PDB file of all heavy atoms in Angstrom:
ATOM      1  N   PHE A   1     -21.097   9.241  -8.840  1.00  0.00           N
ATOM      2  CA  PHE A   1     -20.733   7.909  -8.379  1.00  0.00           C
ATOM      3  C   PHE A   1     -19.470   7.873  -7.522  1.00  0.00           C
ATOM      4  O   PHE A   1     -19.080   6.809  -7.047  1.00  0.00           O
ATOM      5  CB  PHE A   1     -20.583   6.949  -9.554  1.00  0.00           C
ATOM      6  CG  PHE A   1     -21.884   6.585 -10.208  1.00  0.00           C
ATOM      7  CD1 PHE A   1     -21.962   6.452 -11.587  1.00  0.00           C
ATOM      8  CD2 PHE A   1     -23.025   6.364  -9.460  1.00  0.00           C
ATOM      9  CE1 PHE A   1     -23.159   6.103 -12.205  1.00  0.00           C
ATOM     10  CE2 PHE A   1     -24.221   6.018 -10.058  1.00  0.00           C
ATOM     11  CZ  PHE A   1     -24.291   5.893 -11.435  1.00  0.00           C
ATOM     12  N   ALA A   2     -18.835   9.008  -7.289  1.00  0.00           N
ATOM     13  CA  ALA A   2     -17.635   9.044  -6.444  1.00  0.00           C
ATOM     14  C   ALA A   2     -17.863   8.410  -5.073  1.00  0.00           C
ATOM     15  O   ALA A   2     -16.997   7.681  -4.581  1.00  0.00           O
ATOM     16  CB  ALA A   2     -17.122  10.473  -6.319  1.00  0.00           C
ATOM     17  N   PRO A   3     -19.028   8.616  -4.438  1.00  0.00           N
ATOM     18  CA  PRO A   3     -19.259   7.976  -3.134  1.00  0.00           C
ATOM     19  C   PRO A   3     -19.294   6.445  -3.196  1.00  0.00           C
ATOM     20  O   PRO A   3     -19.144   5.788  -2.174  1.00  0.00           O
ATOM     21  CB  PRO A   3     -20.619   8.527  -2.700  1.00  0.00           C
ATOM     22  CG  PRO A   3     -20.770   9.809  -3.451  1.00  0.00           C
ATOM     23  CD  PRO A   3     -20.068   9.589  -4.758  1.00  0.00           C
ATOM     24  N   LYS A   4     -19.468   5.895  -4.369  1.00  0.00           N
ATOM     25  CA  LYS A   4     -19.471   4.433  -4.504  1.00  0.00           C
ATOM     26  C   LYS A   4     -18.122   3.844  -4.104  1.00  0.00           C
ATOM     27  O   LYS A   4     -18.041   2.690  -3.707  1.00  0.00           O
ATOM     28  CB  LYS A   4     -19.803   4.019  -5.946  1.00  0.00           C
ATOM     29  CG  LYS A   4     -21.201   4.335  -6.370  1.00  0.00           C
ATOM     30  CD  LYS A   4     -22.096   3.238  -5.930  1.00  0.00           C
ATOM     31  CE  LYS A   4     -23.482   3.391  -6.517  1.00  0.00           C
ATOM     32  NZ  LYS A   4     -24.411   2.491  -5.852  1.00  0.00           N
ATOM     33  N   ARG A   5     -17.070   4.654  -4.203  1.00  0.00           N
ATOM     34  CA  ARG A   5     -15.737   4.189  -3.814  1.00  0.00           C
ATOM     35  C   ARG A   5     -15.732   3.766  -2.356  1.00  0.00           C
ATOM     36  O   ARG A   5     -15.180   2.729  -2.000  1.00  0.00           O
ATOM     37  CB  ARG A   5     -14.712   5.292  -4.054  1.00  0.00           C
ATOM     38  CG  ARG A   5     -13.295   4.881  -3.703  1.00  0.00           C
ATOM     39  CD  ARG A   5     -12.321   6.030  -4.003  1.00  0.00           C
ATOM     40  NE  ARG A   5     -10.957   5.620  -3.810  1.00  0.00           N
ATOM     41  CZ  ARG A   5     -10.276   5.766  -2.671  1.00  0.00           C
ATOM     42  NH1 ARG A   5     -10.842   6.314  -1.623  1.00  0.00           N
ATOM     43  NH2 ARG A   5      -9.034   5.359  -2.573  1.00  0.00           N
ATOM     44  N   ALA A   6     -16.362   4.563  -1.491  1.00  0.00           N
ATOM     45  CA  ALA A   6     -16.419   4.238  -0.062  1.00  0.00           C
ATOM     46  C   ALA A   6     -17.191   2.945   0.164  1.00  0.00           C
ATOM     47  O   ALA A   6     -16.834   2.136   1.026  1.00  0.00           O
ATOM     48  CB  ALA A   6     -17.063   5.386   0.710  1.00  0.00           C
ATOM     49  N   GLU A   7     -18.220   2.739  -0.627  1.00  0.00           N
ATOM     50  CA  GLU A   7     -19.007   1.506  -0.532  1.00  0.00           C
ATOM     51  C   GLU A   7     -18.137   0.296  -0.864  1.00  0.00           C
ATOM     52  O   GLU A   7     -18.164  -0.719  -0.159  1.00  0.00           O
ATOM     53  CB  GLU A   7     -20.170   1.617  -1.535  1.00  0.00           C
ATOM     54  CG  GLU A   7     -21.220   0.578  -1.449  1.00  0.00           C
ATOM     55  CD  GLU A   7     -22.304   0.861  -2.488  1.00  0.00           C
ATOM     56  OE1 GLU A   7     -22.922   1.930  -2.454  1.00  0.00           O
ATOM     57  OE2 GLU A   7     -22.510  -0.029  -3.345  1.00  0.00           O
ATOM     58  N   LEU A   8     -17.350   0.420  -1.919  1.00  0.00           N
ATOM     59  CA  LEU A   8     -16.451  -0.656  -2.314  1.00  0.00           C
ATOM     60  C   LEU A   8     -15.367  -0.874  -1.261  1.00  0.00           C
ATOM     61  O   LEU A   8     -15.008  -2.011  -0.951  1.00  0.00           O
ATOM     62  CB  LEU A   8     -15.830  -0.336  -3.680  1.00  0.00           C
ATOM     63  CG  LEU A   8     -14.993  -1.414  -4.336  1.00  0.00           C
ATOM     64  CD1 LEU A   8     -15.758  -2.723  -4.489  1.00  0.00           C
ATOM     65  CD2 LEU A   8     -14.498  -0.927  -5.689  1.00  0.00           C
ATOM     66  N   GLN A   9     -14.870   0.202  -0.674  1.00  0.00           N
ATOM     67  CA  GLN A   9     -13.874   0.095   0.396  1.00  0.00           C
ATOM     68  C   GLN A   9     -14.417  -0.714   1.565  1.00  0.00           C
ATOM     69  O   GLN A   9     -13.720  -1.564   2.117  1.00  0.00           O
ATOM     70  CB  GLN A   9     -13.473   1.481   0.894  1.00  0.00           C
ATOM     71  CG  GLN A   9     -12.614   2.251  -0.053  1.00  0.00           C
ATOM     72  CD  GLN A   9     -12.351   3.663   0.458  1.00  0.00           C
ATOM     73  OE1 GLN A   9     -12.996   4.157   1.369  1.00  0.00           O
ATOM     74  NE2 GLN A   9     -11.399   4.329  -0.171  1.00  0.00           N
ATOM     75  N   GLN A  10     -15.638  -0.434   1.943  1.00  0.00           N
ATOM     76  CA  GLN A  10     -16.250  -1.150   3.064  1.00  0.00           C
ATOM     77  C   GLN A  10     -16.336  -2.647   2.776  1.00  0.00           C
ATOM     78  O   GLN A  10     -16.114  -3.468   3.661  1.00  0.00           O
ATOM     79  CB  GLN A  10     -17.634  -0.581   3.381  1.00  0.00           C
ATOM     80  CG  GLN A  10     -17.610   0.758   4.080  1.00  0.00           C
ATOM     81  CD  GLN A  10     -16.760   0.746   5.327  1.00  0.00           C
ATOM     82  OE1 GLN A  10     -15.706   1.368   5.380  1.00  0.00           O
ATOM     83  NE2 GLN A  10     -17.175   0.037   6.346  1.00  0.00           N
ATOM     84  N   GLU A  11     -16.660  -2.988   1.545  1.00  0.00           N
ATOM     85  CA  GLU A  11     -16.743  -4.407   1.172  1.00  0.00           C
ATOM     86  C   GLU A  11     -15.378  -5.074   1.286  1.00  0.00           C
ATOM     87  O   GLU A  11     -15.266  -6.197   1.770  1.00  0.00           O
ATOM     88  CB  GLU A  11     -17.312  -4.561  -0.247  1.00  0.00           C
ATOM     89  CG  GLU A  11     -18.759  -4.144  -0.377  1.00  0.00           C
ATOM     90  CD  GLU A  11     -19.687  -4.940   0.525  1.00  0.00           C
ATOM     91  OE1 GLU A  11     -19.525  -6.170   0.643  1.00  0.00           O
ATOM     92  OE2 GLU A  11     -20.590  -4.311   1.132  1.00  0.00           O
ATOM     93  N   LEU A  12     -14.341  -4.391   0.850  1.00  0.00           N
ATOM     94  CA  LEU A  12     -12.989  -4.945   0.944  1.00  0.00           C
ATOM     95  C   LEU A  12     -12.578  -5.118   2.407  1.00  0.00           C
ATOM     96  O   LEU A  12     -12.026  -6.156   2.779  1.00  0.00           O
ATOM     97  CB  LEU A  12     -11.983  -4.043   0.229  1.00  0.00           C
ATOM     98  CG  LEU A  12     -10.526  -4.498   0.311  1.00  0.00           C
ATOM     99  CD1 LEU A  12     -10.331  -5.849  -0.357  1.00  0.00           C
ATOM    100  CD2 LEU A  12      -9.609  -3.467  -0.296  1.00  0.00           C
ATOM    101  N   ILE A  13     -12.867  -4.137   3.217  1.00  0.00           N
ATOM    102  CA  ILE A  13     -12.528  -4.209   4.635  1.00  0.00           C
ATOM    103  C   ILE A  13     -13.249  -5.383   5.291  1.00  0.00           C
ATOM    104  O   ILE A  13     -12.658  -6.118   6.092  1.00  0.00           O
ATOM    105  CB  ILE A  13     -12.837  -2.867   5.323  1.00  0.00           C
ATOM    106  CG1 ILE A  13     -11.816  -1.826   4.841  1.00  0.00           C
ATOM    107  CG2 ILE A  13     -12.833  -2.994   6.829  1.00  0.00           C
ATOM    108  CD1 ILE A  13     -12.186  -0.395   5.160  1.00  0.00           C
ATOM    109  N   LYS A  14     -14.489  -5.603   4.920  1.00  0.00           N
ATOM    110  CA  LYS A  14     -15.232  -6.756   5.450  1.00  0.00           C
ATOM    111  C   LYS A  14     -14.542  -8.061   5.072  1.00  0.00           C
ATOM    112  O   LYS A  14     -14.505  -9.001   5.867  1.00  0.00           O
ATOM    113  CB  LYS A  14     -16.670  -6.768   4.913  1.00  0.00           C
ATOM    114  CG  LYS A  14     -17.575  -5.764   5.550  1.00  0.00           C
ATOM    115  CD  LYS A  14     -18.970  -5.901   4.939  1.00  0.00           C
ATOM    116  CE  LYS A  14     -19.855  -4.743   5.293  1.00  0.00           C
ATOM    117  NZ  LYS A  14     -21.152  -4.814   4.598  1.00  0.00           N
ATOM    118  N   LEU A  15     -13.995  -8.120   3.863  1.00  0.00           N
ATOM    119  CA  LEU A  15     -13.294  -9.341   3.439  1.00  0.00           C
ATOM    120  C   LEU A  15     -12.117  -9.640   4.360  1.00  0.00           C
ATOM    121  O   LEU A  15     -11.906 -10.778   4.757  1.00  0.00           O
ATOM    122  CB  LEU A  15     -12.805  -9.211   1.995  1.00  0.00           C
ATOM    123  CG  LEU A  15     -13.847  -9.360   0.914  1.00  0.00           C
ATOM    124  CD1 LEU A  15     -13.225  -9.097  -0.456  1.00  0.00           C
ATOM    125  CD2 LEU A  15     -14.479 -10.740   0.954  1.00  0.00           C
ATOM    126  N   TYR A  16     -11.356  -8.618   4.660  1.00  0.00           N
ATOM    127  CA  TYR A  16     -10.220  -8.819   5.571  1.00  0.00           C
ATOM    128  C   TYR A  16     -10.709  -9.414   6.899  1.00  0.00           C
ATOM    129  O   TYR A  16     -10.095 -10.327   7.432  1.00  0.00           O
ATOM    130  CB  TYR A  16      -9.504  -7.499   5.847  1.00  0.00           C
ATOM    131  CG  TYR A  16      -8.507  -7.080   4.800  1.00  0.00           C
ATOM    132  CD1 TYR A  16      -8.890  -6.314   3.708  1.00  0.00           C
ATOM    133  CD2 TYR A  16      -7.163  -7.411   4.923  1.00  0.00           C
ATOM    134  CE1 TYR A  16      -7.964  -5.909   2.766  1.00  0.00           C
ATOM    135  CE2 TYR A  16      -6.236  -7.012   3.991  1.00  0.00           C
ATOM    136  CZ  TYR A  16      -6.639  -6.259   2.911  1.00  0.00           C
ATOM    137  OH  TYR A  16      -5.725  -5.869   1.971  1.00  0.00           O
ATOM    138  N   THR A  17     -11.813  -8.870   7.431  1.00  0.00           N
ATOM    139  CA  THR A  17     -12.291  -9.344   8.735  1.00  0.00           C
ATOM    140  C   THR A  17     -12.897 -10.740   8.647  1.00  0.00           C
ATOM    141  O   THR A  17     -12.976 -11.431   9.655  1.00  0.00           O
ATOM    142  CB  THR A  17     -13.327  -8.374   9.343  1.00  0.00           C
ATOM    143  OG1 THR A  17     -14.475  -8.298   8.506  1.00  0.00           O
ATOM    144  CG2 THR A  17     -12.723  -6.998   9.552  1.00  0.00           C
ATOM    145  N   GLN A  18     -13.300 -11.150   7.475  1.00  0.00           N
ATOM    146  CA  GLN A  18     -13.843 -12.502   7.310  1.00  0.00           C
ATOM    147  C   GLN A  18     -12.739 -13.551   7.254  1.00  0.00           C
ATOM    148  O   GLN A  18     -12.961 -14.700   7.602  1.00  0.00           O
ATOM    149  CB  GLN A  18     -14.687 -12.590   6.041  1.00  0.00           C
ATOM    150  CG  GLN A  18     -15.978 -11.829   6.140  1.00  0.00           C
ATOM    151  CD  GLN A  18     -16.713 -11.777   4.814  1.00  0.00           C
ATOM    152  OE1 GLN A  18     -16.264 -12.299   3.807  1.00  0.00           O
ATOM    153  NE2 GLN A  18     -17.862 -11.134   4.809  1.00  0.00           N
ATOM    154  N   PHE A  19     -11.571 -13.157   6.810  1.00  0.00           N
ATOM    155  CA  PHE A  19     -10.499 -14.119   6.619  1.00  0.00           C
ATOM    156  C   PHE A  19      -9.410 -14.070   7.684  1.00  0.00           C
ATOM    157  O   PHE A  19      -8.560 -14.948   7.722  1.00  0.00           O
ATOM    158  CB  PHE A  19      -9.879 -13.939   5.227  1.00  0.00           C
ATOM    159  CG  PHE A  19     -10.821 -14.296   4.118  1.00  0.00           C
ATOM    160  CD1 PHE A  19     -11.442 -13.308   3.378  1.00  0.00           C
ATOM    161  CD2 PHE A  19     -11.124 -15.620   3.836  1.00  0.00           C
ATOM    162  CE1 PHE A  19     -12.312 -13.630   2.360  1.00  0.00           C
ATOM    163  CE2 PHE A  19     -12.001 -15.953   2.823  1.00  0.00           C
ATOM    164  CZ  PHE A  19     -12.601 -14.951   2.081  1.00  0.00           C
ATOM    165  N   PHE A  20      -9.426 -13.015   8.507  1.00  0.00           N
ATOM    166  CA  PHE A  20      -8.403 -12.876   9.534  1.00  0.00           C
ATOM    167  C   PHE A  20      -9.042 -12.524  10.865  1.00  0.00           C
ATOM    168  O   PHE A  20     -10.036 -11.808  10.914  1.00  0.00           O
ATOM    169  CB  PHE A  20      -7.411 -11.759   9.173  1.00  0.00           C
ATOM    170  CG  PHE A  20      -6.553 -12.070   7.992  1.00  0.00           C
ATOM    171  CD1 PHE A  20      -6.870 -11.570   6.745  1.00  0.00           C
ATOM    172  CD2 PHE A  20      -5.427 -12.861   8.125  1.00  0.00           C
ATOM    173  CE1 PHE A  20      -6.078 -11.850   5.650  1.00  0.00           C
ATOM    174  CE2 PHE A  20      -4.627 -13.150   7.034  1.00  0.00           C
ATOM    175  CZ  PHE A  20      -4.954 -12.640   5.787  1.00  0.00           C
ATOM    176  N   THR A  21      -8.433 -13.006  11.924  1.00  0.00           N
ATOM    177  CA  THR A  21      -8.873 -12.606  13.262  1.00  0.00           C
ATOM    178  C   THR A  21      -8.375 -11.185  13.511  1.00  0.00           C
ATOM    179  O   THR A  21      -7.483 -10.686  12.807  1.00  0.00           O
ATOM    180  CB  THR A  21      -8.288 -13.535  14.345  1.00  0.00           C
ATOM    181  OG1 THR A  21      -6.864 -13.354  14.379  1.00  0.00           O
ATOM    182  CG2 THR A  21      -8.651 -14.987  14.101  1.00  0.00           C
ATOM    183  N   GLU A  22      -8.908 -10.581  14.548  1.00  0.00           N
ATOM    184  CA  GLU A  22      -8.463  -9.229  14.896  1.00  0.00           C
ATOM    185  C   GLU A  22      -6.969  -9.219  15.204  1.00  0.00           C
ATOM    186  O   GLU A  22      -6.234  -8.321  14.771  1.00  0.00           O
ATOM    187  CB  GLU A  22      -9.265  -8.713  16.087  1.00  0.00           C
ATOM    188  CG  GLU A  22      -8.910  -7.299  16.478  1.00  0.00           C
ATOM    189  CD  GLU A  22      -9.800  -6.749  17.582  1.00  0.00           C
ATOM    190  OE1 GLU A  22     -10.863  -7.324  17.875  1.00  0.00           O
ATOM    191  OE2 GLU A  22      -9.397  -5.721  18.169  1.00  0.00           O
ATOM    192  N   GLN A  23      -6.500 -10.234  15.921  1.00  0.00           N
ATOM    193  CA  GLN A  23      -5.075 -10.294  16.263  1.00  0.00           C
ATOM    194  C   GLN A  23      -4.221 -10.473  15.009  1.00  0.00           C
ATOM    195  O   GLN A  23      -3.155  -9.864  14.882  1.00  0.00           O
ATOM    196  CB  GLN A  23      -4.793 -11.413  17.276  1.00  0.00           C
ATOM    197  CG  GLN A  23      -3.373 -11.404  17.794  1.00  0.00           C
ATOM    198  CD  GLN A  23      -2.996 -10.078  18.450  1.00  0.00           C
ATOM    199  OE1 GLN A  23      -3.689  -9.594  19.348  1.00  0.00           O
ATOM    200  NE2 GLN A  23      -1.906  -9.466  18.003  1.00  0.00           N
ATOM    201  N   GLU A  24      -4.658 -11.307  14.097  1.00  0.00           N
ATOM    202  CA  GLU A  24      -3.907 -11.498  12.854  1.00  0.00           C
ATOM    203  C   GLU A  24      -3.821 -10.187  12.066  1.00  0.00           C
ATOM    204  O   GLU A  24      -2.767  -9.866  11.497  1.00  0.00           O
ATOM    205  CB  GLU A  24      -4.556 -12.585  11.998  1.00  0.00           C
ATOM    206  CG  GLU A  24      -4.384 -13.976  12.575  1.00  0.00           C
ATOM    207  CD  GLU A  24      -5.227 -15.025  11.874  1.00  0.00           C
ATOM    208  OE1 GLU A  24      -6.286 -14.684  11.279  1.00  0.00           O
ATOM    209  OE2 GLU A  24      -4.842 -16.207  11.932  1.00  0.00           O
ATOM    210  N   LEU A  25      -4.911  -9.448  12.042  1.00  0.00           N
ATOM    211  CA  LEU A  25      -4.906  -8.154  11.353  1.00  0.00           C
ATOM    212  C   LEU A  25      -3.923  -7.193  12.021  1.00  0.00           C
ATOM    213  O   LEU A  25      -3.153  -6.510  11.329  1.00  0.00           O
ATOM    214  CB  LEU A  25      -6.312  -7.551  11.330  1.00  0.00           C
ATOM    215  CG  LEU A  25      -7.313  -8.281  10.423  1.00  0.00           C
ATOM    216  CD1 LEU A  25      -8.736  -7.856  10.737  1.00  0.00           C
ATOM    217  CD2 LEU A  25      -6.973  -8.035   8.964  1.00  0.00           C
ATOM    218  N   LYS A  26      -3.925  -7.160  13.349  1.00  0.00           N
ATOM    219  CA  LYS A  26      -2.991  -6.298  14.081  1.00  0.00           C
ATOM    220  C   LYS A  26      -1.550  -6.712  13.807  1.00  0.00           C
ATOM    221  O   LYS A  26      -0.671  -5.867  13.618  1.00  0.00           O
ATOM    222  CB  LYS A  26      -3.283  -6.340  15.579  1.00  0.00           C
ATOM    223  CG  LYS A  26      -4.546  -5.599  15.961  1.00  0.00           C
ATOM    224  CD  LYS A  26      -4.822  -5.701  17.446  1.00  0.00           C
ATOM    225  CE  LYS A  26      -6.100  -4.955  17.804  1.00  0.00           C
ATOM    226  NZ  LYS A  26      -6.402  -5.005  19.223  1.00  0.00           N
ATOM    227  N   ASP A  27      -1.306  -8.029  13.774  1.00  0.00           N
ATOM    228  CA  ASP A  27       0.042  -8.524  13.492  1.00  0.00           C
ATOM    229  C   ASP A  27       0.480  -8.158  12.073  1.00  0.00           C
ATOM    230  O   ASP A  27       1.642  -7.793  11.851  1.00  0.00           O
ATOM    231  CB  ASP A  27       0.109 -10.043  13.676  1.00  0.00           C
ATOM    232  CG  ASP A  27      -0.044 -10.482  15.126  1.00  0.00           C
ATOM    233  OD1 ASP A  27       0.051  -9.619  16.034  1.00  0.00           O
ATOM    234  OD2 ASP A  27      -0.278 -11.692  15.350  1.00  0.00           O
ATOM    235  N   ALA A  28      -0.436  -8.264  11.135  1.00  0.00           N
ATOM    236  CA  ALA A  28      -0.116  -7.913   9.749  1.00  0.00           C
ATOM    237  C   ALA A  28       0.211  -6.424   9.638  1.00  0.00           C
ATOM    238  O   ALA A  28       1.170  -6.037   8.964  1.00  0.00           O
ATOM    239  CB  ALA A  28      -1.277  -8.278   8.824  1.00  0.00           C
ATOM    240  N   VAL A  29      -0.578  -5.582  10.292  1.00  0.00           N
ATOM    241  CA  VAL A  29      -0.315  -4.139  10.299  1.00  0.00           C
ATOM    242  C   VAL A  29       1.075  -3.883  10.879  1.00  0.00           C
ATOM    243  O   VAL A  29       1.867  -3.113  10.313  1.00  0.00           O
ATOM    244  CB  VAL A  29      -1.407  -3.378  11.087  1.00  0.00           C
ATOM    245  CG1 VAL A  29      -0.981  -1.943  11.370  1.00  0.00           C
ATOM    246  CG2 VAL A  29      -2.729  -3.402  10.333  1.00  0.00           C
ATOM    247  N   ALA A  30       1.376  -4.532  11.997  1.00  0.00           N
ATOM    248  CA  ALA A  30       2.687  -4.354  12.632  1.00  0.00           C
ATOM    249  C   ALA A  30       3.805  -4.788  11.680  1.00  0.00           C
ATOM    250  O   ALA A  30       4.829  -4.102  11.556  1.00  0.00           O
ATOM    251  CB  ALA A  30       2.756  -5.147  13.934  1.00  0.00           C
ATOM    252  N   PHE A  31       3.608  -5.904  10.985  1.00  0.00           N
ATOM    253  CA  PHE A  31       4.626  -6.378  10.044  1.00  0.00           C
ATOM    254  C   PHE A  31       4.866  -5.363   8.935  1.00  0.00           C
ATOM    255  O   PHE A  31       6.011  -5.054   8.598  1.00  0.00           O
ATOM    256  CB  PHE A  31       4.239  -7.726   9.433  1.00  0.00           C
ATOM    257  CG  PHE A  31       5.116  -8.091   8.265  1.00  0.00           C
ATOM    258  CD1 PHE A  31       6.414  -8.519   8.465  1.00  0.00           C
ATOM    259  CD2 PHE A  31       4.654  -7.967   6.954  1.00  0.00           C
ATOM    260  CE1 PHE A  31       7.250  -8.823   7.393  1.00  0.00           C
ATOM    261  CE2 PHE A  31       5.472  -8.274   5.882  1.00  0.00           C
ATOM    262  CZ  PHE A  31       6.769  -8.708   6.098  1.00  0.00           C
ATOM    263  N   TYR A  32       3.801  -4.853   8.336  1.00  0.00           N
ATOM    264  CA  TYR A  32       3.961  -3.933   7.217  1.00  0.00           C
ATOM    265  C   TYR A  32       4.545  -2.588   7.629  1.00  0.00           C
ATOM    266  O   TYR A  32       4.940  -1.795   6.781  1.00  0.00           O
ATOM    267  CB  TYR A  32       2.647  -3.749   6.461  1.00  0.00           C
ATOM    268  CG  TYR A  32       2.370  -4.928   5.560  1.00  0.00           C
ATOM    269  CD1 TYR A  32       1.312  -5.787   5.812  1.00  0.00           C
ATOM    270  CD2 TYR A  32       3.182  -5.197   4.463  1.00  0.00           C
ATOM    271  CE1 TYR A  32       1.070  -6.877   4.992  1.00  0.00           C
ATOM    272  CE2 TYR A  32       2.962  -6.284   3.644  1.00  0.00           C
ATOM    273  CZ  TYR A  32       1.895  -7.118   3.909  1.00  0.00           C
ATOM    274  OH  TYR A  32       1.669  -8.201   3.099  1.00  0.00           O
ATOM    275  N   LYS A  33       4.633  -2.347   8.923  1.00  0.00           N
ATOM    276  CA  LYS A  33       5.284  -1.131   9.417  1.00  0.00           C
ATOM    277  C   LYS A  33       6.776  -1.352   9.665  1.00  0.00           C
ATOM    278  O   LYS A  33       7.506  -0.399   9.908  1.00  0.00           O
ATOM    279  CB  LYS A  33       4.593  -0.642  10.683  1.00  0.00           C
ATOM    280  CG  LYS A  33       3.207  -0.065  10.405  1.00  0.00           C
ATOM    281  CD  LYS A  33       2.553   0.430  11.668  1.00  0.00           C
ATOM    282  CE  LYS A  33       1.213   1.082  11.368  1.00  0.00           C
ATOM    283  NZ  LYS A  33       0.578   1.614  12.585  1.00  0.00           N
ATOM    284  N   THR A  34       7.236  -2.615   9.586  1.00  0.00           N
ATOM    285  CA  THR A  34       8.662  -2.912   9.762  1.00  0.00           C
ATOM    286  C   THR A  34       9.401  -2.582   8.466  1.00  0.00           C
ATOM    287  O   THR A  34       8.789  -2.459   7.397  1.00  0.00           O
ATOM    288  CB  THR A  34       8.893  -4.402  10.091  1.00  0.00           C
ATOM    289  OG1 THR A  34       8.532  -5.189   8.941  1.00  0.00           O
ATOM    290  CG2 THR A  34       8.106  -4.844  11.318  1.00  0.00           C
ATOM    291  N   PRO A  35      10.734  -2.472   8.530  1.00  0.00           N
ATOM    292  CA  PRO A  35      11.499  -2.214   7.296  1.00  0.00           C
ATOM    293  C   PRO A  35      11.254  -3.277   6.216  1.00  0.00           C
ATOM    294  O   PRO A  35      11.085  -2.943   5.044  1.00  0.00           O
ATOM    295  CB  PRO A  35      12.955  -2.226   7.770  1.00  0.00           C
ATOM    296  CG  PRO A  35      12.872  -1.786   9.199  1.00  0.00           C
ATOM    297  CD  PRO A  35      11.586  -2.397   9.721  1.00  0.00           C
ATOM    298  N   LEU A  36      11.214  -4.554   6.610  1.00  0.00           N
ATOM    299  CA  LEU A  36      10.957  -5.604   5.631  1.00  0.00           C
ATOM    300  C   LEU A  36       9.548  -5.475   5.049  1.00  0.00           C
ATOM    301  O   LEU A  36       9.353  -5.616   3.832  1.00  0.00           O
ATOM    302  CB  LEU A  36      11.138  -6.994   6.251  1.00  0.00           C
ATOM    303  CG  LEU A  36      10.838  -8.176   5.319  1.00  0.00           C
ATOM    304  CD1 LEU A  36      11.714  -8.132   4.064  1.00  0.00           C
ATOM    305  CD2 LEU A  36      11.015  -9.483   6.070  1.00  0.00           C
TER     306      LEU A  36
END
């Protein structure tokens, strides 16, 4: 069942794309790379 982890990951990633635009996701990534 170890490969099931990747299946669950894909579902989580889909959730992010359902709730955020591509630009919002890019902005969030940029924020989390800052010191704060």
